Amino acid sequence: MTLPTHYDCRRGIYRWSPLGNLLSDDCTVAAYLHLVMIHNLAAASSWKRLIYRLGYRVPHSPYAVQEYVDFLATIGEKAGVGVNPDQFLAWEKEKGRILEYQYVQLNGLAAPDLLDTLNQAMIDWNGCLITVALTNRAYDEGTLRGAWHIEPGDVPNQNLEHAVALVAYGPRMESVVTWGEMKDMTRPFTEATINGCWVFL
């Protein structure tokens, strides 16, 4: 497949909000709502797009945390645990808040096919919810300046599983929203750490 060298789904959105994820384990909910922002903007009229980019009616942390708590209640869990994206998106569909969702099969793919498949899904569905097993270095860096990257000795840590919203890519980087900020991930980092990808309408 031939993909554009660069692609950006954000349509000018620059204010994201952490959506509760700085204080709770709702990274899946936060990533989902960051993609909802993009989907809402894509479907809006031109004047609504302008005010939406400026921060009007952006999802907020109390709503995200309530979604997190309400979902956990359906599976008998309390705040403090992570959320399985497949279960959460099925719940959102049941609630009528999304029309459809799909798991993007990346298992068994190697570079460059893995990233080509990932980026094509991002283009086709206006962003992807992806899960990564962060390295200790990436977790410690958080959203500090600079891309998440792999150095000798870095290994994905399954105890640092994290969900982010993939919203753009370029020749060397994938760009995600996490903890309310934009963060770049080098292509080798993405290939080493990604372990799940979901899209929805």
N, C-alpha and C. Protein backbone atom coordinates (compact mmCIF):
# COMPACT_ATOMS: atom_id res chain seq x y z
N MET A 1 0.84 -1.18 0.00
CA MET A 1 0.00 0.00 0.00
C MET A 1 0.88 1.25 0.00
N THR A 2 0.42 2.30 -0.66
CA THR A 2 1.15 3.56 -0.71
C THR A 2 0.44 4.58 0.15
N LEU A 3 1.13 5.03 1.18
CA LEU A 3 0.54 5.97 2.12
C LEU A 3 1.15 7.35 1.94
N PRO A 4 0.42 8.41 2.32
CA PRO A 4 1.04 9.73 2.34
C PRO A 4 2.24 9.73 3.28
N THR A 5 3.23 10.56 3.00
CA THR A 5 4.41 10.64 3.86
C THR A 5 4.05 11.16 5.24
N HIS A 6 3.09 12.12 5.29
CA HIS A 6 2.61 12.68 6.54
C HIS A 6 1.09 12.62 6.55
N TYR A 7 0.52 12.47 7.73
CA TYR A 7 -0.94 12.57 7.85
C TYR A 7 -1.27 13.04 9.26
N ASP A 8 -2.25 13.93 9.37
CA ASP A 8 -2.62 14.51 10.66
C ASP A 8 -4.14 14.55 10.76
N CYS A 9 -4.69 13.85 11.75
CA CYS A 9 -6.14 13.81 11.95
C CYS A 9 -6.66 14.95 12.82
N ARG A 10 -5.80 15.75 13.41
CA ARG A 10 -6.22 16.66 14.48
C ARG A 10 -7.10 17.81 14.02
N ARG A 11 -6.98 18.22 12.76
CA ARG A 11 -7.77 19.32 12.23
C ARG A 11 -7.66 20.59 13.08
N GLY A 12 -6.48 20.82 13.61
CA GLY A 12 -6.24 22.06 14.34
C GLY A 12 -6.49 21.99 15.83
N ILE A 13 -6.95 20.87 16.36
CA ILE A 13 -7.14 20.77 17.81
C ILE A 13 -5.78 20.85 18.49
N TYR A 14 -5.68 21.69 19.51
CA TYR A 14 -4.41 21.78 20.23
C TYR A 14 -4.60 21.74 21.74
N ARG A 15 -5.85 21.80 22.22
CA ARG A 15 -6.11 21.69 23.65
C ARG A 15 -6.79 20.35 23.90
N TRP A 16 -6.13 19.48 24.67
CA TRP A 16 -6.61 18.11 24.81
C TRP A 16 -7.17 17.79 26.19
N SER A 17 -6.57 18.28 27.24
CA SER A 17 -6.94 17.95 28.62
C SER A 17 -6.52 16.52 28.94
N PRO A 18 -6.02 16.27 30.14
CA PRO A 18 -5.65 14.91 30.52
C PRO A 18 -6.85 13.99 30.75
N LEU A 19 -8.05 14.57 30.85
CA LEU A 19 -9.27 13.78 31.02
C LEU A 19 -9.16 12.79 32.18
N GLY A 20 -8.63 13.27 33.27
CA GLY A 20 -8.57 12.46 34.49
C GLY A 20 -7.38 11.55 34.59
N ASN A 21 -6.62 11.38 33.49
CA ASN A 21 -5.60 10.35 33.47
C ASN A 21 -4.33 10.69 34.25
N LEU A 22 -4.20 11.93 34.69
CA LEU A 22 -3.06 12.27 35.54
C LEU A 22 -3.27 11.76 36.97
N LEU A 23 -4.53 11.51 37.32
CA LEU A 23 -4.85 11.10 38.69
C LEU A 23 -5.46 9.72 38.79
N SER A 24 -5.99 9.18 37.70
CA SER A 24 -6.64 7.87 37.75
C SER A 24 -6.11 6.99 36.64
N ASP A 25 -6.53 5.74 36.64
CA ASP A 25 -6.06 4.76 35.65
C ASP A 25 -7.02 4.66 34.46
N ASP A 26 -7.51 5.82 34.03
CA ASP A 26 -8.52 5.80 32.96
C ASP A 26 -7.91 6.12 31.60
N CYS A 27 -6.69 5.64 31.32
CA CYS A 27 -6.03 5.99 30.05
C CYS A 27 -6.83 5.53 28.84
N THR A 28 -7.50 4.39 28.92
CA THR A 28 -8.31 3.92 27.80
C THR A 28 -9.47 4.88 27.54
N VAL A 29 -10.13 5.31 28.60
CA VAL A 29 -11.25 6.26 28.46
C VAL A 29 -10.74 7.58 27.91
N ALA A 30 -9.61 8.06 28.42
CA ALA A 30 -9.05 9.32 27.94
C ALA A 30 -8.70 9.23 26.46
N ALA A 31 -8.04 8.15 26.05
CA ALA A 31 -7.68 7.99 24.63
C ALA A 31 -8.93 7.94 23.76
N TYR A 32 -9.94 7.22 24.22
CA TYR A 32 -11.21 7.14 23.50
C TYR A 32 -11.81 8.54 23.31
N LEU A 33 -11.86 9.33 24.39
CA LEU A 33 -12.47 10.65 24.31
C LEU A 33 -11.64 11.62 23.48
N HIS A 34 -10.32 11.46 23.47
CA HIS A 34 -9.52 12.29 22.58
C HIS A 34 -9.88 12.00 21.12
N LEU A 35 -10.14 10.75 20.80
CA LEU A 35 -10.57 10.41 19.44
C LEU A 35 -11.99 10.89 19.17
N VAL A 36 -12.85 10.86 20.18
CA VAL A 36 -14.21 11.40 20.02
C VAL A 36 -14.14 12.87 19.64
N MET A 37 -13.21 13.62 20.24
CA MET A 37 -13.04 15.03 19.88
C MET A 37 -12.76 15.17 18.39
N ILE A 38 -11.87 14.33 17.87
CA ILE A 38 -11.53 14.39 16.45
C ILE A 38 -12.74 14.02 15.60
N HIS A 39 -13.45 12.97 15.98
CA HIS A 39 -14.62 12.54 15.22
C HIS A 39 -15.69 13.62 15.21
N ASN A 40 -15.92 14.26 16.36
CA ASN A 40 -16.92 15.33 16.43
C ASN A 40 -16.54 16.49 15.53
N LEU A 41 -15.27 16.82 15.52
CA LEU A 41 -14.81 17.94 14.69
C LEU A 41 -14.96 17.61 13.22
N ALA A 42 -14.66 16.37 12.84
CA ALA A 42 -14.77 15.97 11.43
C ALA A 42 -16.20 16.07 10.93
N ALA A 43 -17.17 15.85 11.83
CA ALA A 43 -18.58 15.84 11.43
C ALA A 43 -19.25 17.20 11.59
N ALA A 44 -18.54 18.18 12.16
CA ALA A 44 -19.16 19.46 12.48
C ALA A 44 -19.20 20.39 11.27
N SER A 45 -20.08 21.37 11.33
CA SER A 45 -20.12 22.42 10.31
C SER A 45 -18.89 23.31 10.47
N SER A 46 -18.63 24.16 9.48
CA SER A 46 -17.39 24.95 9.50
C SER A 46 -17.32 25.89 10.69
N TRP A 47 -18.43 26.53 11.08
CA TRP A 47 -18.36 27.46 12.21
C TRP A 47 -18.23 26.71 13.53
N LYS A 48 -18.85 25.53 13.61
CA LYS A 48 -18.68 24.72 14.83
C LYS A 48 -17.26 24.20 14.92
N ARG A 49 -16.64 23.91 13.79
CA ARG A 49 -15.25 23.46 13.81
C ARG A 49 -14.35 24.52 14.43
N LEU A 50 -14.59 25.78 14.09
CA LEU A 50 -13.77 26.87 14.61
C LEU A 50 -13.89 26.95 16.13
N ILE A 51 -15.11 26.98 16.66
CA ILE A 51 -15.24 27.13 18.12
C ILE A 51 -14.82 25.86 18.84
N TYR A 52 -14.97 24.71 18.19
CA TYR A 52 -14.52 23.47 18.83
C TYR A 52 -13.01 23.46 18.95
N ARG A 53 -12.30 23.89 17.91
CA ARG A 53 -10.84 23.97 17.98
C ARG A 53 -10.39 24.91 19.08
N LEU A 54 -11.20 25.93 19.36
CA LEU A 54 -10.85 26.90 20.39
C LEU A 54 -11.20 26.42 21.79
N GLY A 55 -11.76 25.23 21.89
CA GLY A 55 -11.99 24.66 23.22
C GLY A 55 -13.44 24.58 23.64
N TYR A 56 -14.37 24.88 22.76
CA TYR A 56 -15.79 24.85 23.11
C TYR A 56 -16.30 23.42 23.16
N ARG A 57 -16.95 23.08 24.27
CA ARG A 57 -17.55 21.76 24.46
C ARG A 57 -16.55 20.60 24.37
N VAL A 58 -15.35 20.84 24.77
CA VAL A 58 -14.37 19.75 24.80
C VAL A 58 -14.69 18.83 25.97
N PRO A 59 -14.60 17.50 25.80
CA PRO A 59 -14.81 16.60 26.94
C PRO A 59 -13.89 17.01 28.09
N HIS A 60 -14.37 16.82 29.31
CA HIS A 60 -13.61 17.28 30.47
C HIS A 60 -13.35 16.12 31.43
N SER A 61 -12.43 16.37 32.37
CA SER A 61 -11.98 15.31 33.26
C SER A 61 -13.10 14.69 34.11
N PRO A 62 -13.99 15.49 34.72
CA PRO A 62 -15.05 14.86 35.52
C PRO A 62 -15.90 13.87 34.71
N TYR A 63 -16.21 14.22 33.45
CA TYR A 63 -16.99 13.31 32.61
C TYR A 63 -16.20 12.03 32.33
N ALA A 64 -14.91 12.19 31.99
CA ALA A 64 -14.08 11.02 31.68
C ALA A 64 -13.98 10.08 32.88
N VAL A 65 -13.75 10.65 34.05
CA VAL A 65 -13.62 9.83 35.26
C VAL A 65 -14.93 9.13 35.58
N GLN A 66 -16.06 9.81 35.36
CA GLN A 66 -17.36 9.17 35.61
C GLN A 66 -17.60 8.02 34.64
N GLU A 67 -17.20 8.21 33.37
CA GLU A 67 -17.29 7.11 32.40
C GLU A 67 -16.47 5.91 32.88
N TYR A 68 -15.30 6.19 33.36
CA TYR A 68 -14.39 5.16 33.87
C TYR A 68 -15.02 4.41 35.03
N VAL A 69 -15.54 5.15 36.00
CA VAL A 69 -16.15 4.53 37.19
C VAL A 69 -17.41 3.76 36.80
N ASP A 70 -18.23 4.34 35.92
CA ASP A 70 -19.47 3.67 35.51
C ASP A 70 -19.17 2.37 34.77
N PHE A 71 -18.17 2.40 33.91
CA PHE A 71 -17.82 1.16 33.20
C PHE A 71 -17.32 0.10 34.17
N LEU A 72 -16.41 0.48 35.06
CA LEU A 72 -15.86 -0.50 36.01
C LEU A 72 -16.96 -1.14 36.84
N ALA A 73 -17.99 -0.38 37.17
CA ALA A 73 -19.09 -0.92 37.97
C ALA A 73 -19.79 -2.07 37.24
N THR A 74 -19.79 -2.02 35.90
CA THR A 74 -20.47 -3.08 35.14
C THR A 74 -19.71 -4.40 35.18
N ILE A 75 -18.42 -4.34 35.52
CA ILE A 75 -17.63 -5.57 35.59
C ILE A 75 -17.17 -5.86 37.02
N GLY A 76 -17.80 -5.17 37.97
CA GLY A 76 -17.53 -5.45 39.37
C GLY A 76 -16.18 -4.98 39.87
N GLU A 77 -15.63 -3.94 39.23
CA GLU A 77 -14.34 -3.40 39.64
C GLU A 77 -14.50 -1.98 40.16
N LYS A 78 -13.51 -1.54 40.90
CA LYS A 78 -13.49 -0.16 41.39
C LYS A 78 -12.28 0.55 40.80
N ALA A 79 -12.29 1.88 40.90
CA ALA A 79 -11.19 2.69 40.36
C ALA A 79 -9.86 2.19 40.90
N GLY A 80 -8.85 2.22 40.04
CA GLY A 80 -7.53 1.74 40.42
C GLY A 80 -7.04 0.63 39.53
N VAL A 81 -7.89 0.20 38.60
CA VAL A 81 -7.48 -0.82 37.63
C VAL A 81 -7.62 -0.24 36.22
N GLY A 82 -6.89 -0.83 35.29
CA GLY A 82 -6.99 -0.40 33.91
C GLY A 82 -8.24 -0.94 33.24
N VAL A 83 -8.52 -0.43 32.04
CA VAL A 83 -9.73 -0.78 31.30
C VAL A 83 -9.35 -1.47 30.01
N ASN A 84 -9.93 -2.63 29.75
CA ASN A 84 -9.73 -3.35 28.49
C ASN A 84 -10.45 -2.60 27.36
N PRO A 85 -9.73 -2.13 26.33
CA PRO A 85 -10.38 -1.36 25.26
C PRO A 85 -11.51 -2.11 24.57
N ASP A 86 -11.35 -3.41 24.35
CA ASP A 86 -12.39 -4.17 23.67
C ASP A 86 -13.69 -4.16 24.48
N GLN A 87 -13.59 -4.40 25.78
CA GLN A 87 -14.77 -4.38 26.65
C GLN A 87 -15.37 -2.98 26.73
N PHE A 88 -14.52 -1.99 26.84
CA PHE A 88 -15.02 -0.62 26.97
C PHE A 88 -15.74 -0.17 25.70
N LEU A 89 -15.18 -0.46 24.53
CA LEU A 89 -15.83 -0.05 23.29
C LEU A 89 -17.14 -0.81 23.07
N ALA A 90 -17.20 -2.06 23.50
CA ALA A 90 -18.46 -2.80 23.41
C ALA A 90 -19.52 -2.14 24.29
N TRP A 91 -19.12 -1.67 25.46
CA TRP A 91 -20.03 -0.97 26.36
C TRP A 91 -20.49 0.36 25.76
N GLU A 92 -19.57 1.10 25.14
CA GLU A 92 -19.94 2.36 24.49
C GLU A 92 -20.91 2.11 23.34
N LYS A 93 -20.71 1.02 22.61
CA LYS A 93 -21.64 0.68 21.53
C LYS A 93 -23.01 0.32 22.09
N GLU A 94 -23.03 -0.45 23.16
CA GLU A 94 -24.28 -0.82 23.80
C GLU A 94 -25.04 0.41 24.29
N LYS A 95 -24.30 1.41 24.74
CA LYS A 95 -24.91 2.66 25.21
C LYS A 95 -25.35 3.56 24.06
N GLY A 96 -25.00 3.20 22.84
CA GLY A 96 -25.39 4.00 21.67
C GLY A 96 -24.49 5.19 21.40
N ARG A 97 -23.33 5.21 22.04
CA ARG A 97 -22.43 6.36 21.85
C ARG A 97 -21.48 6.17 20.68
N ILE A 98 -21.30 4.93 20.22
CA ILE A 98 -20.58 4.69 18.97
C ILE A 98 -21.40 3.71 18.14
N LEU A 99 -21.18 3.74 16.83
CA LEU A 99 -21.92 2.87 15.93
C LEU A 99 -21.26 1.51 15.78
N GLU A 100 -19.93 1.53 15.70
CA GLU A 100 -19.20 0.30 15.44
C GLU A 100 -17.76 0.46 15.92
N TYR A 101 -17.13 -0.66 16.24
CA TYR A 101 -15.71 -0.64 16.56
C TYR A 101 -15.08 -1.90 16.00
N GLN A 102 -13.76 -1.87 15.92
CA GLN A 102 -13.06 -2.99 15.29
C GLN A 102 -11.64 -3.08 15.86
N TYR A 103 -11.19 -4.29 16.05
CA TYR A 103 -9.79 -4.53 16.43
C TYR A 103 -8.97 -4.65 15.16
N VAL A 104 -7.86 -3.94 15.09
CA VAL A 104 -6.98 -4.00 13.92
C VAL A 104 -5.89 -5.03 14.19
N GLN A 105 -5.84 -6.04 13.36
CA GLN A 105 -4.90 -7.14 13.58
C GLN A 105 -3.49 -6.72 13.18
N LEU A 106 -2.60 -6.63 14.15
CA LEU A 106 -1.20 -6.28 13.90
C LEU A 106 -0.27 -7.45 14.20
N ASN A 107 -0.77 -8.46 14.90
CA ASN A 107 0.07 -9.60 15.28
C ASN A 107 0.65 -10.28 14.05
N GLY A 108 1.92 -10.59 14.11
CA GLY A 108 2.57 -11.28 13.01
C GLY A 108 3.10 -10.36 11.94
N LEU A 109 2.78 -9.07 12.02
CA LEU A 109 3.28 -8.13 11.02
C LEU A 109 4.64 -7.59 11.46
N ALA A 110 5.53 -7.43 10.52
CA ALA A 110 6.85 -6.85 10.79
C ALA A 110 6.97 -5.54 10.03
N ALA A 111 7.97 -4.75 10.39
CA ALA A 111 8.21 -3.49 9.67
C ALA A 111 8.53 -3.79 8.21
N PRO A 112 8.06 -2.98 7.25
CA PRO A 112 7.24 -1.79 7.46
C PRO A 112 5.74 -2.06 7.46
N ASP A 113 5.33 -3.33 7.28
CA ASP A 113 3.91 -3.63 7.15
C ASP A 113 3.13 -3.27 8.40
N LEU A 114 3.74 -3.46 9.58
CA LEU A 114 3.03 -3.16 10.82
C LEU A 114 2.63 -1.69 10.87
N LEU A 115 3.59 -0.80 10.62
CA LEU A 115 3.27 0.63 10.69
C LEU A 115 2.39 1.07 9.53
N ASP A 116 2.56 0.47 8.38
CA ASP A 116 1.68 0.81 7.25
C ASP A 116 0.23 0.45 7.58
N THR A 117 0.02 -0.72 8.17
CA THR A 117 -1.34 -1.13 8.55
C THR A 117 -1.90 -0.21 9.62
N LEU A 118 -1.08 0.12 10.61
CA LEU A 118 -1.49 1.01 11.68
C LEU A 118 -1.86 2.38 11.13
N ASN A 119 -1.02 2.94 10.28
CA ASN A 119 -1.27 4.29 9.77
C ASN A 119 -2.44 4.33 8.79
N GLN A 120 -2.63 3.26 8.03
CA GLN A 120 -3.80 3.21 7.14
C GLN A 120 -5.08 3.19 7.97
N ALA A 121 -5.07 2.44 9.07
CA ALA A 121 -6.24 2.42 9.95
C ALA A 121 -6.50 3.79 10.54
N MET A 122 -5.44 4.51 10.92
CA MET A 122 -5.60 5.85 11.47
C MET A 122 -6.25 6.78 10.44
N ILE A 123 -5.81 6.69 9.20
CA ILE A 123 -6.39 7.53 8.14
C ILE A 123 -7.85 7.16 7.91
N ASP A 124 -8.12 5.87 7.79
CA ASP A 124 -9.47 5.41 7.44
C ASP A 124 -10.50 5.71 8.52
N TRP A 125 -10.08 5.69 9.79
CA TRP A 125 -11.03 5.80 10.90
C TRP A 125 -10.87 7.07 11.72
N ASN A 126 -10.10 8.04 11.22
CA ASN A 126 -9.88 9.29 11.98
C ASN A 126 -9.23 9.03 13.33
N GLY A 127 -8.16 8.27 13.33
CA GLY A 127 -7.41 8.01 14.55
C GLY A 127 -7.61 6.61 15.07
N CYS A 128 -6.66 6.16 15.87
CA CYS A 128 -6.70 4.83 16.48
C CYS A 128 -6.46 4.92 17.98
N LEU A 129 -7.12 4.05 18.71
CA LEU A 129 -6.81 3.84 20.12
C LEU A 129 -5.81 2.70 20.15
N ILE A 130 -4.59 2.99 20.62
CA ILE A 130 -3.59 1.94 20.65
C ILE A 130 -3.11 1.71 22.08
N THR A 131 -2.67 0.49 22.33
CA THR A 131 -2.06 0.18 23.63
C THR A 131 -0.60 -0.15 23.41
N VAL A 132 0.20 0.31 24.34
CA VAL A 132 1.64 0.07 24.30
C VAL A 132 2.11 -0.37 25.67
N ALA A 133 3.13 -1.22 25.69
CA ALA A 133 3.80 -1.57 26.93
C ALA A 133 5.02 -0.66 27.02
N LEU A 134 4.90 0.41 27.80
CA LEU A 134 5.97 1.40 27.87
C LEU A 134 7.25 0.79 28.42
N THR A 135 8.37 1.34 28.00
CA THR A 135 9.63 1.02 28.66
C THR A 135 9.72 1.84 29.94
N ASN A 136 10.58 1.44 30.85
CA ASN A 136 10.75 2.22 32.08
C ASN A 136 11.19 3.64 31.76
N ARG A 137 12.06 3.78 30.75
CA ARG A 137 12.54 5.10 30.37
C ARG A 137 11.39 5.98 29.88
N ALA A 138 10.54 5.43 29.01
CA ALA A 138 9.42 6.21 28.48
C ALA A 138 8.46 6.62 29.59
N TYR A 139 8.18 5.72 30.51
CA TYR A 139 7.29 6.04 31.61
C TYR A 139 7.88 7.16 32.48
N ASP A 140 9.17 7.06 32.76
CA ASP A 140 9.82 8.09 33.58
C ASP A 140 9.84 9.44 32.87
N GLU A 141 9.99 9.43 31.55
CA GLU A 141 10.01 10.68 30.80
C GLU A 141 8.63 11.29 30.69
N GLY A 142 7.59 10.47 30.67
CA GLY A 142 6.23 10.99 30.54
C GLY A 142 6.10 11.86 29.31
N THR A 143 5.61 13.09 29.50
CA THR A 143 5.42 14.00 28.37
C THR A 143 6.52 15.05 28.28
N LEU A 144 7.66 14.78 28.91
CA LEU A 144 8.78 15.71 28.76
C LEU A 144 9.17 15.82 27.29
N ARG A 145 9.84 16.91 26.96
CA ARG A 145 10.23 17.14 25.57
C ARG A 145 11.06 15.99 25.02
N GLY A 146 10.86 15.70 23.76
CA GLY A 146 11.58 14.61 23.11
C GLY A 146 10.69 13.40 22.90
N ALA A 147 11.01 12.66 21.86
CA ALA A 147 10.20 11.49 21.51
C ALA A 147 10.53 10.30 22.40
N TRP A 148 9.55 9.45 22.63
CA TRP A 148 9.83 8.15 23.23
C TRP A 148 10.64 7.36 22.21
N HIS A 149 11.71 6.74 22.66
CA HIS A 149 12.59 6.01 21.75
C HIS A 149 13.19 4.82 22.48
N ILE A 150 13.80 3.96 21.72
CA ILE A 150 14.43 2.76 22.26
C ILE A 150 15.94 2.96 22.32
N GLU A 151 16.51 2.71 23.47
CA GLU A 151 17.96 2.71 23.63
C GLU A 151 18.39 1.31 24.06
N PRO A 152 19.67 0.99 23.91
CA PRO A 152 20.15 -0.34 24.33
C PRO A 152 19.74 -0.65 25.78
N GLY A 153 19.19 -1.82 25.98
CA GLY A 153 18.74 -2.21 27.31
C GLY A 153 17.28 -1.91 27.59
N ASP A 154 16.64 -1.07 26.77
CA ASP A 154 15.23 -0.76 26.96
C ASP A 154 14.37 -1.95 26.53
N VAL A 155 13.44 -2.34 27.36
CA VAL A 155 12.50 -3.41 27.00
C VAL A 155 11.09 -2.98 27.41
N PRO A 156 10.08 -3.36 26.63
CA PRO A 156 8.70 -3.07 27.03
C PRO A 156 8.39 -3.73 28.37
N ASN A 157 7.71 -2.98 29.23
CA ASN A 157 7.35 -3.47 30.56
C ASN A 157 5.84 -3.69 30.60
N GLN A 158 5.42 -4.94 30.68
CA GLN A 158 3.99 -5.26 30.66
C GLN A 158 3.25 -4.66 31.84
N ASN A 159 3.97 -4.30 32.89
CA ASN A 159 3.33 -3.64 34.04
C ASN A 159 3.09 -2.16 33.79
N LEU A 160 3.61 -1.66 32.67
CA LEU A 160 3.41 -0.25 32.31
C LEU A 160 2.55 -0.14 31.05
N GLU A 161 1.53 -0.96 30.99
CA GLU A 161 0.59 -0.94 29.86
C GLU A 161 -0.14 0.40 29.84
N HIS A 162 -0.24 1.00 28.65
CA HIS A 162 -0.80 2.35 28.54
C HIS A 162 -1.57 2.47 27.24
N ALA A 163 -2.71 3.18 27.28
CA ALA A 163 -3.51 3.44 26.08
C ALA A 163 -3.34 4.89 25.67
N VAL A 164 -3.19 5.13 24.38
CA VAL A 164 -3.00 6.47 23.83
C VAL A 164 -3.82 6.59 22.55
N ALA A 165 -4.02 7.84 22.11
CA ALA A 165 -4.74 8.09 20.86
C ALA A 165 -3.73 8.44 19.77
N LEU A 166 -3.65 7.60 18.75
CA LEU A 166 -2.77 7.87 17.61
C LEU A 166 -3.50 8.83 16.67
N VAL A 167 -2.91 10.02 16.45
CA VAL A 167 -3.62 11.05 15.69
C VAL A 167 -2.82 11.61 14.51
N ALA A 168 -1.54 11.27 14.40
CA ALA A 168 -0.73 11.77 13.29
C ALA A 168 0.51 10.90 13.12
N TYR A 169 1.12 11.00 11.95
CA TYR A 169 2.40 10.32 11.74
C TYR A 169 3.21 11.07 10.69
N GLY A 170 4.50 10.81 10.69
CA GLY A 170 5.41 11.34 9.68
C GLY A 170 6.40 10.27 9.29
N PRO A 171 7.44 10.62 8.55
CA PRO A 171 8.39 9.61 8.08
C PRO A 171 9.14 8.89 9.19
N ARG A 172 9.33 9.55 10.35
CA ARG A 172 10.12 8.95 11.41
C ARG A 172 9.37 8.77 12.72
N MET A 173 8.19 9.35 12.84
CA MET A 173 7.49 9.38 14.12
C MET A 173 6.00 9.04 13.98
N GLU A 174 5.46 8.45 15.03
CA GLU A 174 4.02 8.38 15.24
C GLU A 174 3.71 9.41 16.33
N SER A 175 2.59 10.10 16.24
CA SER A 175 2.25 11.14 17.21
C SER A 175 0.95 10.77 17.91
N VAL A 176 1.01 10.78 19.24
CA VAL A 176 -0.14 10.36 20.04
C VAL A 176 -0.50 11.44 21.06
N VAL A 177 -1.75 11.35 21.55
CA VAL A 177 -2.18 12.18 22.67
C VAL A 177 -2.15 11.29 23.91
N THR A 178 -1.49 11.77 24.96
CA THR A 178 -1.43 11.04 26.22
C THR A 178 -1.26 12.01 27.36
N TRP A 179 -1.93 11.76 28.45
CA TRP A 179 -1.87 12.63 29.63
C TRP A 179 -2.13 14.10 29.25
N GLY A 180 -2.96 14.30 28.24
CA GLY A 180 -3.36 15.65 27.85
C GLY A 180 -2.37 16.38 26.98
N GLU A 181 -1.33 15.70 26.50
CA GLU A 181 -0.29 16.34 25.70
C GLU A 181 -0.02 15.53 24.43
N MET A 182 0.56 16.20 23.44
CA MET A 182 1.04 15.49 22.26
C MET A 182 2.41 14.89 22.57
N LYS A 183 2.62 13.67 22.10
CA LYS A 183 3.90 12.99 22.32
C LYS A 183 4.27 12.22 21.05
N ASP A 184 5.51 12.36 20.62
CA ASP A 184 6.00 11.59 19.47
C ASP A 184 6.61 10.29 19.96
N MET A 185 6.49 9.27 19.12
CA MET A 185 7.12 7.97 19.36
C MET A 185 7.89 7.62 18.10
N THR A 186 9.17 7.27 18.24
CA THR A 186 9.91 6.85 17.05
C THR A 186 9.30 5.58 16.50
N ARG A 187 9.53 5.34 15.24
CA ARG A 187 8.98 4.13 14.63
C ARG A 187 9.51 2.86 15.30
N PRO A 188 10.83 2.77 15.61
CA PRO A 188 11.28 1.57 16.34
C PRO A 188 10.62 1.41 17.70
N PHE A 189 10.35 2.52 18.39
CA PHE A 189 9.67 2.43 19.69
C PHE A 189 8.26 1.90 19.50
N THR A 190 7.56 2.42 18.52
CA THR A 190 6.19 1.96 18.25
C THR A 190 6.18 0.47 17.92
N GLU A 191 7.07 0.06 17.06
CA GLU A 191 7.13 -1.35 16.66
C GLU A 191 7.44 -2.26 17.85
N ALA A 192 8.27 -1.78 18.77
CA ALA A 192 8.67 -2.61 19.91
C ALA A 192 7.60 -2.68 21.00
N THR A 193 6.78 -1.64 21.12
CA THR A 193 5.90 -1.55 22.30
C THR A 193 4.43 -1.76 22.01
N ILE A 194 3.99 -1.56 20.77
CA ILE A 194 2.55 -1.64 20.48
C ILE A 194 2.06 -3.08 20.62
N ASN A 195 0.92 -3.24 21.27
CA ASN A 195 0.34 -4.59 21.40
C ASN A 195 -1.16 -4.61 21.20
N GLY A 196 -1.74 -3.51 20.73
CA GLY A 196 -3.17 -3.50 20.45
C GLY A 196 -3.58 -2.25 19.70
N CYS A 197 -4.60 -2.37 18.86
CA CYS A 197 -5.10 -1.23 18.08
C CYS A 197 -6.59 -1.40 17.84
N TRP A 198 -7.37 -0.36 18.15
CA TRP A 198 -8.80 -0.37 17.95
C TRP A 198 -9.22 0.91 17.23
N VAL A 199 -10.26 0.80 16.42
CA VAL A 199 -10.83 1.94 15.72
C VAL A 199 -12.35 1.89 15.94
N PHE A 200 -13.00 3.05 15.78
CA PHE A 200 -14.46 3.07 15.99
C PHE A 200 -15.08 4.22 15.22
N LEU A 201 -16.38 4.12 15.04
CA LEU A 201 -17.20 5.16 14.42
C LEU A 201 -18.24 5.64 15.41
